[in-house]
Amino acid sequence: MDERTARALVSKEGRELLQTGLVARTWGNFSARIPGGQFVITPSGLDYARMGPEDVVAVDIESGEAFGSRRPSSEKNIHRFAYGLFPEIEYVIHTHQTAATAIGLTGMESLALTEAEGAELGGVARAEYAFSGSMELAQSIRAAMEADGAKVILMPHHGALILGRSREEAFRRAMVLESVCRRSLQGQPAEEAAQSLDGNLLRSPAALAWAALGEPLPPLLDDYAQMFGPALPVLEAPEDETAAVVPGVGIALGTGETPVKALLAEKNLLAALHCRALGVSAALSEENARLQHADYLESYSRRKEG
């Protein structure tokens, strides 16, 4: 597709994906191939609601050189490798979708995928974990794509990568993937897991299910670790600024950014319940969670300062 069309598509994609729940805030990124051996990709850290075609960044597929006034997404190398491996691919979406991220923690054997669904998705593979934005992660995903030509890659602790011959195909694959993975989740509460906030207290069915266990809530997902850090302790009466598991009551989120915290806590809770049901230990290490949380606080502070 021509660059002008590609920029327009990519710049509005974030707002549409936010509505579907496939991404949150600025977590996730998307790109489109353009002529001249390049693609255009979302910039780093820009609110999707404020993104325009001029903010989208062009990147050379072979060299990785970026062209534009903004920095490209830190995951640009994942997109580079996808376009380099598959000449027919025109659109790439990296999501942080809830169910697919949870299934990525427990492996392909936990995915209830039919042959027809596998064909519609273009094949599904699972990459090895590495820090977000790192070349190690990009190389891990490239290895997963190279192994059997899969067009959907589960990224443990992180999300999913979806490739399409068009924007429509990539988006459809993302929705099919989430439907299949939602069906595959284990250990979920019987009620629909919609968020229910009472001040800074999350009392969704998943939150109540975990609170009934009275166990610390470990960080299983990168975006959750960025926001909360290491495992939430179990506290009967936490201070307002303290995030904690409140036995029999719910999940206290602490102060500030309550809607985002609720969304990420819900994702982490569903993943935690799924892993617990299958007896899988998939928590991020305390060191990893502390590092991601510190990096997030530093970058968030810089954004607030302008």
C-alpha atoms as a PDB file:
ATOM      1  CA  MET A   1       0.000   0.000   0.000  1.00  0.00           C
ATOM      2  CA  ASP A   2       1.158   3.565  -0.527  1.00  0.00           C
ATOM      3  CA  GLU A   3       2.744   5.430   2.385  1.00  0.00           C
ATOM      4  CA  ARG A   4      -0.060   7.943   2.830  1.00  0.00           C
ATOM      5  CA  THR A   5      -2.676   5.193   3.166  1.00  0.00           C
ATOM      6  CA  ALA A   6      -0.427   3.195   5.487  1.00  0.00           C
ATOM      7  CA  ARG A   7       0.179   6.158   7.782  1.00  0.00           C
ATOM      8  CA  ALA A   8      -3.545   6.847   8.021  1.00  0.00           C
ATOM      9  CA  LEU A   9      -4.315   3.202   8.869  1.00  0.00           C
ATOM     10  CA  VAL A  10      -1.595   2.845  11.482  1.00  0.00           C
ATOM     11  CA  SER A  11      -2.366   6.178  13.146  1.00  0.00           C
ATOM     12  CA  LYS A  12      -5.999   5.232  13.772  1.00  0.00           C
ATOM     13  CA  GLU A  13      -5.405   1.557  14.581  1.00  0.00           C
ATOM     14  CA  GLY A  14      -4.613   2.224  18.232  1.00  0.00           C
ATOM     15  CA  ARG A  15      -7.992   3.810  18.923  1.00  0.00           C
ATOM     16  CA  GLU A  16      -9.799   0.856  17.348  1.00  0.00           C
ATOM     17  CA  LEU A  17      -7.717  -1.746  19.172  1.00  0.00           C
ATOM     18  CA  LEU A  18      -8.302   0.038  22.490  1.00  0.00           C
ATOM     19  CA  GLN A  19     -12.038  -0.428  21.958  1.00  0.00           C
ATOM     20  CA  THR A  20     -11.593  -4.180  21.416  1.00  0.00           C
ATOM     21  CA  GLY A  21      -9.408  -4.623  24.523  1.00  0.00           C
ATOM     22  CA  LEU A  22      -6.543  -6.029  22.428  1.00  0.00           C
ATOM     23  CA  VAL A  23      -4.230  -3.269  23.665  1.00  0.00           C
ATOM     24  CA  ALA A  24      -4.177  -0.913  26.636  1.00  0.00           C
ATOM     25  CA  ARG A  25      -2.778   2.574  26.965  1.00  0.00           C
ATOM     26  CA  THR A  26       0.301   2.627  24.675  1.00  0.00           C
ATOM     27  CA  TRP A  27       1.163  -1.037  25.251  1.00  0.00           C
ATOM     28  CA  GLY A  28       1.239  -2.774  21.887  1.00  0.00           C
ATOM     29  CA  ASN A  29       2.249  -1.528  18.430  1.00  0.00           C
ATOM     30  CA  PHE A  30       1.315  -1.989  14.781  1.00  0.00           C
ATOM     31  CA  SER A  31       2.823  -1.394  11.373  1.00  0.00           C
ATOM     32  CA  ALA A  32       2.186  -1.554   7.616  1.00  0.00           C
ATOM     33  CA  ARG A  33       4.553  -2.295   4.754  1.00  0.00           C
ATOM     34  CA  ILE A  34       5.190   0.514   2.273  1.00  0.00           C
ATOM     35  CA  PRO A  35       7.139   0.622  -1.010  1.00  0.00           C
ATOM     36  CA  GLY A  36      10.911   0.959  -1.028  1.00  0.00           C
ATOM     37  CA  GLY A  37      11.707  -1.831   1.422  1.00  0.00           C
ATOM     38  CA  GLN A  38      10.232   0.014   4.402  1.00  0.00           C
ATOM     39  CA  PHE A  39       7.316  -0.120   6.820  1.00  0.00           C
ATOM     40  CA  VAL A  40       5.617   2.503   8.980  1.00  0.00           C
ATOM     41  CA  ILE A  41       5.116   1.858  12.683  1.00  0.00           C
ATOM     42  CA  THR A  42       3.619   3.515  15.742  1.00  0.00           C
ATOM     43  CA  PRO A  43       6.000   5.807  17.663  1.00  0.00           C
ATOM     44  CA  SER A  44       7.237   5.063  21.152  1.00  0.00           C
ATOM     45  CA  GLY A  45       5.102   6.185  24.109  1.00  0.00           C
ATOM     46  CA  LEU A  46       2.569   8.379  22.278  1.00  0.00           C
ATOM     47  CA  ASP A  47      -1.061   8.276  23.412  1.00  0.00           C
ATOM     48  CA  TYR A  48      -3.117   6.604  20.680  1.00  0.00           C
ATOM     49  CA  ALA A  49      -5.844   9.223  21.066  1.00  0.00           C
ATOM     50  CA  ARG A  50      -3.372  11.947  20.025  1.00  0.00           C
ATOM     51  CA  MET A  51      -1.641  10.050  17.230  1.00  0.00           C
ATOM     52  CA  GLY A  52      -1.853  11.392  13.696  1.00  0.00           C
ATOM     53  CA  PRO A  53      -0.381  10.224  10.366  1.00  0.00           C
ATOM     54  CA  GLU A  54       2.556  12.596  10.802  1.00  0.00           C
ATOM     55  CA  ASP A  55       3.552  10.849  14.053  1.00  0.00           C
ATOM     56  CA  VAL A  56       3.995   7.439  12.423  1.00  0.00           C
ATOM     57  CA  VAL A  57       7.647   6.487  11.800  1.00  0.00           C
ATOM     58  CA  ALA A  58       9.108   4.916   8.651  1.00  0.00           C
ATOM     59  CA  VAL A  59      11.704   2.158   9.181  1.00  0.00           C
ATOM     60  CA  ASP A  60      13.994   0.409   6.701  1.00  0.00           C
ATOM     61  CA  ILE A  61      13.368  -3.356   6.797  1.00  0.00           C
ATOM     62  CA  GLU A  62      16.962  -4.368   6.127  1.00  0.00           C
ATOM     63  CA  SER A  63      18.934  -1.842   8.186  1.00  0.00           C
ATOM     64  CA  GLY A  64      16.423  -0.820  10.856  1.00  0.00           C
ATOM     65  CA  GLU A  65      17.134   2.868  10.206  1.00  0.00           C
ATOM     66  CA  ALA A  66      14.203   5.090  11.211  1.00  0.00           C
ATOM     67  CA  PHE A  67      12.961   8.210   9.421  1.00  0.00           C
ATOM     68  CA  GLY A  68      10.775  10.761  11.175  1.00  0.00           C
ATOM     69  CA  SER A  69      10.556  13.251  14.012  1.00  0.00           C
ATOM     70  CA  ARG A  70       9.659  10.596  16.608  1.00  0.00           C
ATOM     71  CA  ARG A  71      11.328   7.429  17.867  1.00  0.00           C
ATOM     72  CA  PRO A  72       9.786   4.223  16.511  1.00  0.00           C
ATOM     73  CA  SER A  73       8.325   1.630  18.846  1.00  0.00           C
ATOM     74  CA  SER A  74      10.952  -0.233  20.837  1.00  0.00           C
ATOM     75  CA  GLU A  75       9.623  -3.414  19.207  1.00  0.00           C
ATOM     76  CA  LYS A  76      10.525  -2.265  15.673  1.00  0.00           C
ATOM     77  CA  ASN A  77      12.905  -5.212  15.180  1.00  0.00           C
ATOM     78  CA  ILE A  78      10.068  -7.705  15.659  1.00  0.00           C
ATOM     79  CA  HIS A  79       8.240  -6.032  12.782  1.00  0.00           C
ATOM     80  CA  ARG A  80      11.430  -5.844  10.669  1.00  0.00           C
ATOM     81  CA  PHE A  81      11.969  -9.579  10.973  1.00  0.00           C
ATOM     82  CA  ALA A  82       8.334 -10.368  10.143  1.00  0.00           C
ATOM     83  CA  TYR A  83       8.412  -8.338   6.928  1.00  0.00           C
ATOM     84  CA  GLY A  84      11.841  -9.686   6.022  1.00  0.00           C
ATOM     85  CA  LEU A  85      10.786 -13.317   6.443  1.00  0.00           C
ATOM     86  CA  PHE A  86       7.401 -13.109   4.704  1.00  0.00           C
ATOM     87  CA  PRO A  87       7.232 -10.988   1.505  1.00  0.00           C
ATOM     88  CA  GLU A  88       3.449 -11.469   1.365  1.00  0.00           C
ATOM     89  CA  ILE A  89       2.853  -9.886   4.792  1.00  0.00           C
ATOM     90  CA  GLU A  90       1.572  -6.305   4.608  1.00  0.00           C
ATOM     91  CA  TYR A  91       0.398  -5.612   8.171  1.00  0.00           C
ATOM     92  CA  VAL A  92       1.683  -6.573  11.644  1.00  0.00           C
ATOM     93  CA  ILE A  93      -0.045  -6.136  15.005  1.00  0.00           C
ATOM     94  CA  HIS A  94       1.588  -6.667  18.386  1.00  0.00           C
ATOM     95  CA  THR A  95      -1.150  -6.908  21.015  1.00  0.00           C
ATOM     96  CA  HIS A  96      -1.316  -7.335  24.783  1.00  0.00           C
ATOM     97  CA  GLN A  97      -4.594  -9.240  24.579  1.00  0.00           C
ATOM     98  CA  THR A  98      -5.761 -10.894  27.785  1.00  0.00           C
ATOM     99  CA  ALA A  99      -6.506 -14.539  27.001  1.00  0.00           C
ATOM    100  CA  ALA A 100      -3.720 -15.057  24.457  1.00  0.00           C
ATOM    101  CA  THR A 101      -1.183 -13.681  26.926  1.00  0.00           C
ATOM    102  CA  ALA A 102      -2.390 -16.118  29.590  1.00  0.00           C
ATOM    103  CA  ILE A 103      -2.212 -19.081  27.209  1.00  0.00           C
ATOM    104  CA  GLY A 104       1.316 -18.050  26.249  1.00  0.00           C
ATOM    105  CA  LEU A 105       2.360 -18.777  29.840  1.00  0.00           C
ATOM    106  CA  THR A 106       1.233 -22.407  29.776  1.00  0.00           C
ATOM    107  CA  GLY A 107       2.297 -23.414  26.272  1.00  0.00           C
ATOM    108  CA  MET A 108       0.767 -24.730  23.095  1.00  0.00           C
ATOM    109  CA  GLU A 109      -0.579 -27.868  24.758  1.00  0.00           C
ATOM    110  CA  SER A 110      -3.027 -25.691  26.723  1.00  0.00           C
ATOM    111  CA  LEU A 111      -4.441 -24.145  23.528  1.00  0.00           C
ATOM    112  CA  ALA A 112      -7.695 -25.807  22.403  1.00  0.00           C
ATOM    113  CA  LEU A 113      -7.174 -25.088  18.713  1.00  0.00           C
ATOM    114  CA  THR A 114      -9.043 -26.854  15.917  1.00  0.00           C
ATOM    115  CA  GLU A 115      -7.415 -27.604  12.563  1.00  0.00           C
ATOM    116  CA  ALA A 116      -9.694 -25.085  10.853  1.00  0.00           C
ATOM    117  CA  GLU A 117      -8.836 -22.366  13.381  1.00  0.00           C
ATOM    118  CA  GLY A 118      -5.140 -23.098  12.983  1.00  0.00           C
ATOM    119  CA  ALA A 119      -5.476 -22.654   9.238  1.00  0.00           C
ATOM    120  CA  GLU A 120      -7.419 -19.407   9.649  1.00  0.00           C
ATOM    121  CA  LEU A 121      -4.723 -18.062  11.952  1.00  0.00           C
ATOM    122  CA  GLY A 122      -1.948 -19.067   9.558  1.00  0.00           C
ATOM    123  CA  GLY A 123      -0.335 -21.290  12.181  1.00  0.00           C
ATOM    124  CA  VAL A 124       0.442 -20.551  15.831  1.00  0.00           C
ATOM    125  CA  ALA A 125       3.836 -20.805  17.527  1.00  0.00           C
ATOM    126  CA  ARG A 126       5.285 -19.773  20.892  1.00  0.00           C
ATOM    127  CA  ALA A 127       8.470 -17.747  21.357  1.00  0.00           C
ATOM    128  CA  GLU A 128      10.919 -17.870  24.240  1.00  0.00           C
ATOM    129  CA  TYR A 129      10.689 -15.055  26.791  1.00  0.00           C
ATOM    130  CA  ALA A 130      13.013 -12.056  26.786  1.00  0.00           C
ATOM    131  CA  PHE A 131      12.726  -8.444  27.955  1.00  0.00           C
ATOM    132  CA  SER A 132      10.381  -6.278  25.914  1.00  0.00           C
ATOM    133  CA  GLY A 133      12.121  -4.083  23.376  1.00  0.00           C
ATOM    134  CA  SER A 134      15.282  -6.197  23.414  1.00  0.00           C
ATOM    135  CA  MET A 135      17.031  -7.717  20.413  1.00  0.00           C
ATOM    136  CA  GLU A 136      16.886 -11.032  22.296  1.00  0.00           C
ATOM    137  CA  LEU A 137      13.077 -10.918  22.168  1.00  0.00           C
ATOM    138  CA  ALA A 138      13.076 -10.016  18.469  1.00  0.00           C
ATOM    139  CA  GLN A 139      15.440 -12.892  17.695  1.00  0.00           C
ATOM    140  CA  SER A 140      13.336 -15.298  19.748  1.00  0.00           C
ATOM    141  CA  ILE A 141      10.234 -14.334  17.784  1.00  0.00           C
ATOM    142  CA  ARG A 142      12.105 -14.622  14.495  1.00  0.00           C
ATOM    143  CA  ALA A 143      13.158 -18.153  15.453  1.00  0.00           C
ATOM    144  CA  ALA A 144       9.532 -19.054  16.225  1.00  0.00           C
ATOM    145  CA  MET A 145       8.373 -17.665  12.872  1.00  0.00           C
ATOM    146  CA  GLU A 146      11.149 -19.437  10.987  1.00  0.00           C
ATOM    147  CA  ALA A 147      10.431 -22.802  12.621  1.00  0.00           C
ATOM    148  CA  ASP A 148       7.170 -23.481  10.784  1.00  0.00           C
ATOM    149  CA  GLY A 149       6.100 -20.261   9.093  1.00  0.00           C
ATOM    150  CA  ALA A 150       3.526 -19.392  11.775  1.00  0.00           C
ATOM    151  CA  LYS A 151       1.748 -16.055  11.333  1.00  0.00           C
ATOM    152  CA  VAL A 152       0.659 -15.851  14.986  1.00  0.00           C
ATOM    153  CA  ILE A 153       3.252 -15.914  17.739  1.00  0.00           C
ATOM    154  CA  LEU A 154       2.433 -16.190  21.443  1.00  0.00           C
ATOM    155  CA  MET A 155       4.837 -14.080  23.517  1.00  0.00           C
ATOM    156  CA  PRO A 156       5.019 -15.449  27.101  1.00  0.00           C
ATOM    157  CA  HIS A 157       4.434 -12.822  29.816  1.00  0.00           C
ATOM    158  CA  HIS A 158       3.887 -10.214  27.124  1.00  0.00           C
ATOM    159  CA  GLY A 159       1.222 -10.656  24.425  1.00  0.00           C
ATOM    160  CA  ALA A 160       1.015 -11.835  20.835  1.00  0.00           C
ATOM    161  CA  LEU A 161       2.302 -10.970  17.379  1.00  0.00           C
ATOM    162  CA  ILE A 162      -0.156 -11.272  14.503  1.00  0.00           C
ATOM    163  CA  LEU A 163       0.797 -11.045  10.833  1.00  0.00           C
ATOM    164  CA  GLY A 164      -1.587 -10.496   7.925  1.00  0.00           C
ATOM    165  CA  ARG A 165      -1.603 -10.049   4.169  1.00  0.00           C
ATOM    166  CA  SER A 166      -3.854  -7.070   4.864  1.00  0.00           C
ATOM    167  CA  ARG A 167      -4.985  -4.993   7.812  1.00  0.00           C
ATOM    168  CA  GLU A 168      -8.301  -6.834   7.748  1.00  0.00           C
ATOM    169  CA  GLU A 169      -6.664 -10.261   7.911  1.00  0.00           C
ATOM    170  CA  ALA A 170      -4.346  -9.272  10.781  1.00  0.00           C
ATOM    171  CA  PHE A 171      -7.226  -7.785  12.774  1.00  0.00           C
ATOM    172  CA  ARG A 172      -9.445 -10.820  12.133  1.00  0.00           C
ATOM    173  CA  ARG A 173      -6.676 -13.160  13.242  1.00  0.00           C
ATOM    174  CA  ALA A 174      -6.224 -11.181  16.461  1.00  0.00           C
ATOM    175  CA  MET A 175      -9.929 -11.527  17.249  1.00  0.00           C
ATOM    176  CA  VAL A 176     -10.029 -15.247  16.382  1.00  0.00           C
ATOM    177  CA  LEU A 177      -6.939 -15.837  18.513  1.00  0.00           C
ATOM    178  CA  GLU A 178      -8.522 -14.165  21.517  1.00  0.00           C
ATOM    179  CA  SER A 179     -11.739 -16.151  21.092  1.00  0.00           C
ATOM    180  CA  VAL A 180      -9.846 -19.454  20.907  1.00  0.00           C
ATOM    181  CA  CYS A 181      -7.628 -18.573  23.869  1.00  0.00           C
ATOM    182  CA  ARG A 182     -10.590 -17.374  25.944  1.00  0.00           C
ATOM    183  CA  ARG A 183     -12.204 -20.759  25.371  1.00  0.00           C
ATOM    184  CA  SER A 184      -8.952 -22.451  26.453  1.00  0.00           C
ATOM    185  CA  LEU A 185      -8.594 -20.661  29.808  1.00  0.00           C
ATOM    186  CA  GLN A 186      -8.854 -22.835  32.912  1.00  0.00           C
ATOM    187  CA  GLY A 187      -9.764 -22.036  36.512  1.00  0.00           C
ATOM    188  CA  GLN A 188     -11.848 -18.985  35.688  1.00  0.00           C
ATOM    189  CA  PRO A 189     -14.747 -17.775  37.869  1.00  0.00           C
ATOM    190  CA  ALA A 190     -18.191 -18.855  36.723  1.00  0.00           C
ATOM    191  CA  GLU A 191     -19.398 -15.254  36.338  1.00  0.00           C
ATOM    192  CA  GLU A 192     -18.422 -13.015  33.454  1.00  0.00           C
ATOM    193  CA  ALA A 193     -15.159 -11.425  34.542  1.00  0.00           C
ATOM    194  CA  ALA A 194     -16.121  -7.785  34.101  1.00  0.00           C
ATOM    195  CA  GLN A 195     -14.302  -5.217  36.191  1.00  0.00           C
ATOM    196  CA  SER A 196     -16.063  -3.914  39.293  1.00  0.00           C
ATOM    197  CA  LEU A 197     -14.367  -1.028  41.075  1.00  0.00           C
ATOM    198  CA  ASP A 198     -15.184   0.261  44.545  1.00  0.00           C
ATOM    199  CA  GLY A 199     -12.887   3.227  44.988  1.00  0.00           C
ATOM    200  CA  ASN A 200      -9.413   1.743  44.676  1.00  0.00           C
ATOM    201  CA  LEU A 201     -10.675  -1.791  45.372  1.00  0.00           C
ATOM    202  CA  LEU A 202     -11.069  -4.246  42.486  1.00  0.00           C
ATOM    203  CA  ARG A 203     -13.967  -6.631  43.170  1.00  0.00           C
ATOM    204  CA  SER A 204     -14.405  -8.403  39.848  1.00  0.00           C
ATOM    205  CA  PRO A 205     -15.188 -12.133  39.904  1.00  0.00           C
ATOM    206  CA  ALA A 206     -11.504 -12.901  39.254  1.00  0.00           C
ATOM    207  CA  ALA A 207     -10.403 -10.551  42.040  1.00  0.00           C
ATOM    208  CA  LEU A 208     -12.872 -12.104  44.464  1.00  0.00           C
ATOM    209  CA  ALA A 209     -11.745 -15.604  43.456  1.00  0.00           C
ATOM    210  CA  TRP A 210      -8.119 -14.754  44.199  1.00  0.00           C
ATOM    211  CA  ALA A 211      -8.979 -12.888  47.394  1.00  0.00           C
ATOM    212  CA  ALA A 212     -10.784 -16.018  48.592  1.00  0.00           C
ATOM    213  CA  LEU A 213      -7.496 -17.914  48.269  1.00  0.00           C
ATOM    214  CA  GLY A 214      -5.768 -15.422  50.547  1.00  0.00           C
ATOM    215  CA  GLU A 215      -2.467 -15.804  48.669  1.00  0.00           C
ATOM    216  CA  PRO A 216       0.000 -13.151  47.411  1.00  0.00           C
ATOM    217  CA  LEU A 217      -0.642 -12.209  43.787  1.00  0.00           C
ATOM    218  CA  PRO A 218       2.510 -12.829  41.723  1.00  0.00           C
ATOM    219  CA  PRO A 219       3.415 -10.780  38.637  1.00  0.00           C
ATOM    220  CA  LEU A 220       2.981 -12.938  35.552  1.00  0.00           C
ATOM    221  CA  LEU A 221       2.765 -10.260  32.840  1.00  0.00           C
ATOM    222  CA  ASP A 222       5.281  -7.620  31.810  1.00  0.00           C
ATOM    223  CA  ASP A 223       2.803  -4.735  31.704  1.00  0.00           C
ATOM    224  CA  TYR A 224       1.452  -5.706  35.137  1.00  0.00           C
ATOM    225  CA  ALA A 225       4.997  -5.882  36.562  1.00  0.00           C
ATOM    226  CA  GLN A 226       5.728  -2.456  35.111  1.00  0.00           C
ATOM    227  CA  MET A 227       2.773  -1.016  36.984  1.00  0.00           C
ATOM    228  CA  PHE A 228       2.863  -3.011  40.250  1.00  0.00           C
ATOM    229  CA  GLY A 229       6.331  -4.549  40.625  1.00  0.00           C
ATOM    230  CA  PRO A 230       6.812  -7.736  42.712  1.00  0.00           C
ATOM    231  CA  ALA A 231       4.043  -9.886  44.203  1.00  0.00           C
ATOM    232  CA  LEU A 232       1.217  -8.109  46.015  1.00  0.00           C
ATOM    233  CA  PRO A 233       1.234  -9.011  49.707  1.00  0.00           C
ATOM    234  CA  VAL A 234      -1.764 -10.266  51.638  1.00  0.00           C
ATOM    235  CA  LEU A 235      -2.988  -7.524  54.000  1.00  0.00           C
ATOM    236  CA  GLU A 236      -6.207  -7.361  55.984  1.00  0.00           C
ATOM    237  CA  ALA A 237      -6.282  -3.543  56.028  1.00  0.00           C
ATOM    238  CA  PRO A 238      -3.755  -2.001  53.613  1.00  0.00           C
ATOM    239  CA  GLU A 239      -2.964   1.710  53.633  1.00  0.00           C
ATOM    240  CA  ASP A 240      -4.626   3.680  50.841  1.00  0.00           C
ATOM    241  CA  GLU A 241      -1.403   3.915  48.816  1.00  0.00           C
ATOM    242  CA  THR A 242      -0.610   0.195  49.141  1.00  0.00           C
ATOM    243  CA  ALA A 243      -1.567  -2.396  46.534  1.00  0.00           C
ATOM    244  CA  ALA A 244      -2.424  -5.711  48.174  1.00  0.00           C
ATOM    245  CA  VAL A 245      -4.608  -8.798  48.245  1.00  0.00           C
ATOM    246  CA  VAL A 246      -7.320  -8.233  50.844  1.00  0.00           C
ATOM    247  CA  PRO A 247      -8.539 -11.698  51.933  1.00  0.00           C
ATOM    248  CA  GLY A 248     -12.184 -12.278  51.100  1.00  0.00           C
ATOM    249  CA  VAL A 249     -12.607  -8.686  49.929  1.00  0.00           C
ATOM    250  CA  GLY A 250     -10.723  -8.047  46.663  1.00  0.00           C
ATOM    251  CA  ILE A 251      -7.554  -6.471  45.307  1.00  0.00           C
ATOM    252  CA  ALA A 252      -6.508  -3.053  46.653  1.00  0.00           C
ATOM    253  CA  LEU A 253      -4.901  -1.103  43.791  1.00  0.00           C
ATOM    254  CA  GLY A 254      -3.201   1.687  45.715  1.00  0.00           C
ATOM    255  CA  THR A 255      -3.475   5.307  44.617  1.00  0.00           C
ATOM    256  CA  GLY A 256      -3.257   6.862  41.161  1.00  0.00           C
ATOM    257  CA  GLU A 257      -4.093   5.580  37.669  1.00  0.00           C
ATOM    258  CA  THR A 258      -6.896   3.410  39.039  1.00  0.00           C
ATOM    259  CA  PRO A 259      -8.584   2.470  35.709  1.00  0.00           C
ATOM    260  CA  VAL A 260      -5.304   1.328  34.147  1.00  0.00           C
ATOM    261  CA  LYS A 261      -4.318  -0.540  37.304  1.00  0.00           C
ATOM    262  CA  ALA A 262      -7.689  -2.279  37.351  1.00  0.00           C
ATOM    263  CA  LEU A 263      -7.331  -3.378  33.734  1.00  0.00           C
ATOM    264  CA  LEU A 264      -3.811  -4.753  34.250  1.00  0.00           C
ATOM    265  CA  ALA A 265      -4.706  -6.407  37.554  1.00  0.00           C
ATOM    266  CA  GLU A 266      -7.644  -8.129  35.861  1.00  0.00           C
ATOM    267  CA  LYS A 267      -5.383  -9.479  33.108  1.00  0.00           C
ATOM    268  CA  ASN A 268      -2.857 -10.731  35.644  1.00  0.00           C
ATOM    269  CA  LEU A 269      -5.582 -12.318  37.779  1.00  0.00           C
ATOM    270  CA  LEU A 270      -7.053 -14.273  34.861  1.00  0.00           C
ATOM    271  CA  ALA A 271      -3.558 -15.493  33.961  1.00  0.00           C
ATOM    272  CA  ALA A 272      -2.819 -16.402  37.582  1.00  0.00           C
ATOM    273  CA  LEU A 273      -6.041 -18.406  37.918  1.00  0.00           C
ATOM    274  CA  HIS A 274      -5.336 -20.192  34.628  1.00  0.00           C
ATOM    275  CA  CYS A 275      -1.783 -21.119  35.651  1.00  0.00           C
ATOM    276  CA  ARG A 276      -2.907 -22.220  39.108  1.00  0.00           C
ATOM    277  CA  ALA A 277      -5.554 -24.511  37.626  1.00  0.00           C
ATOM    278  CA  LEU A 278      -2.934 -26.192  35.431  1.00  0.00           C
ATOM    279  CA  GLY A 279      -0.289 -26.310  38.156  1.00  0.00           C
ATOM    280  CA  VAL A 280       2.090 -24.137  36.135  1.00  0.00           C
ATOM    281  CA  SER A 281       4.541 -21.828  37.911  1.00  0.00           C
ATOM    282  CA  ALA A 282       4.975 -18.852  35.580  1.00  0.00           C
ATOM    283  CA  ALA A 283       5.657 -15.859  37.822  1.00  0.00           C
ATOM    284  CA  LEU A 284       8.287 -13.356  36.790  1.00  0.00           C
ATOM    285  CA  SER A 285      11.252 -13.249  39.161  1.00  0.00           C
ATOM    286  CA  GLU A 286      11.282 -10.584  41.870  1.00  0.00           C
ATOM    287  CA  GLU A 287      14.370  -9.037  40.284  1.00  0.00           C
ATOM    288  CA  ASN A 288      12.695  -8.891  36.874  1.00  0.00           C
ATOM    289  CA  ALA A 289       9.519  -7.326  38.317  1.00  0.00           C
ATOM    290  CA  ARG A 290      11.460  -4.739  40.338  1.00  0.00           C
ATOM    291  CA  LEU A 291      13.529  -3.780  37.299  1.00  0.00           C
ATOM    292  CA  GLN A 292      10.484  -3.384  35.042  1.00  0.00           C
ATOM    293  CA  HIS A 293       8.654  -1.368  37.702  1.00  0.00           C
ATOM    294  CA  ALA A 294      11.628   0.947  38.198  1.00  0.00           C
ATOM    295  CA  ASP A 295      12.012   1.458  34.448  1.00  0.00           C
ATOM    296  CA  TYR A 296       8.308   2.226  34.141  1.00  0.00           C
ATOM    297  CA  LEU A 297       8.378   4.774  36.980  1.00  0.00           C
ATOM    298  CA  GLU A 298      11.373   6.496  35.414  1.00  0.00           C
ATOM    299  CA  SER A 299       9.833   6.685  31.942  1.00  0.00           C
ATOM    300  CA  TYR A 300       6.441   7.741  33.332  1.00  0.00           C
ATOM    301  CA  SER A 301       8.116  10.519  35.309  1.00  0.00           C
ATOM    302  CA  ARG A 302       9.850  11.759  32.173  1.00  0.00           C
ATOM    303  CA  ARG A 303       6.535  11.805  30.288  1.00  0.00           C
ATOM    304  CA  LYS A 304       4.860  13.818  33.064  1.00  0.00           C
ATOM    305  CA  GLU A 305       7.707  16.331  32.944  1.00  0.00           C
ATOM    306  CA  GLY A 306       7.026  16.829  29.242  1.00  0.00           C
END
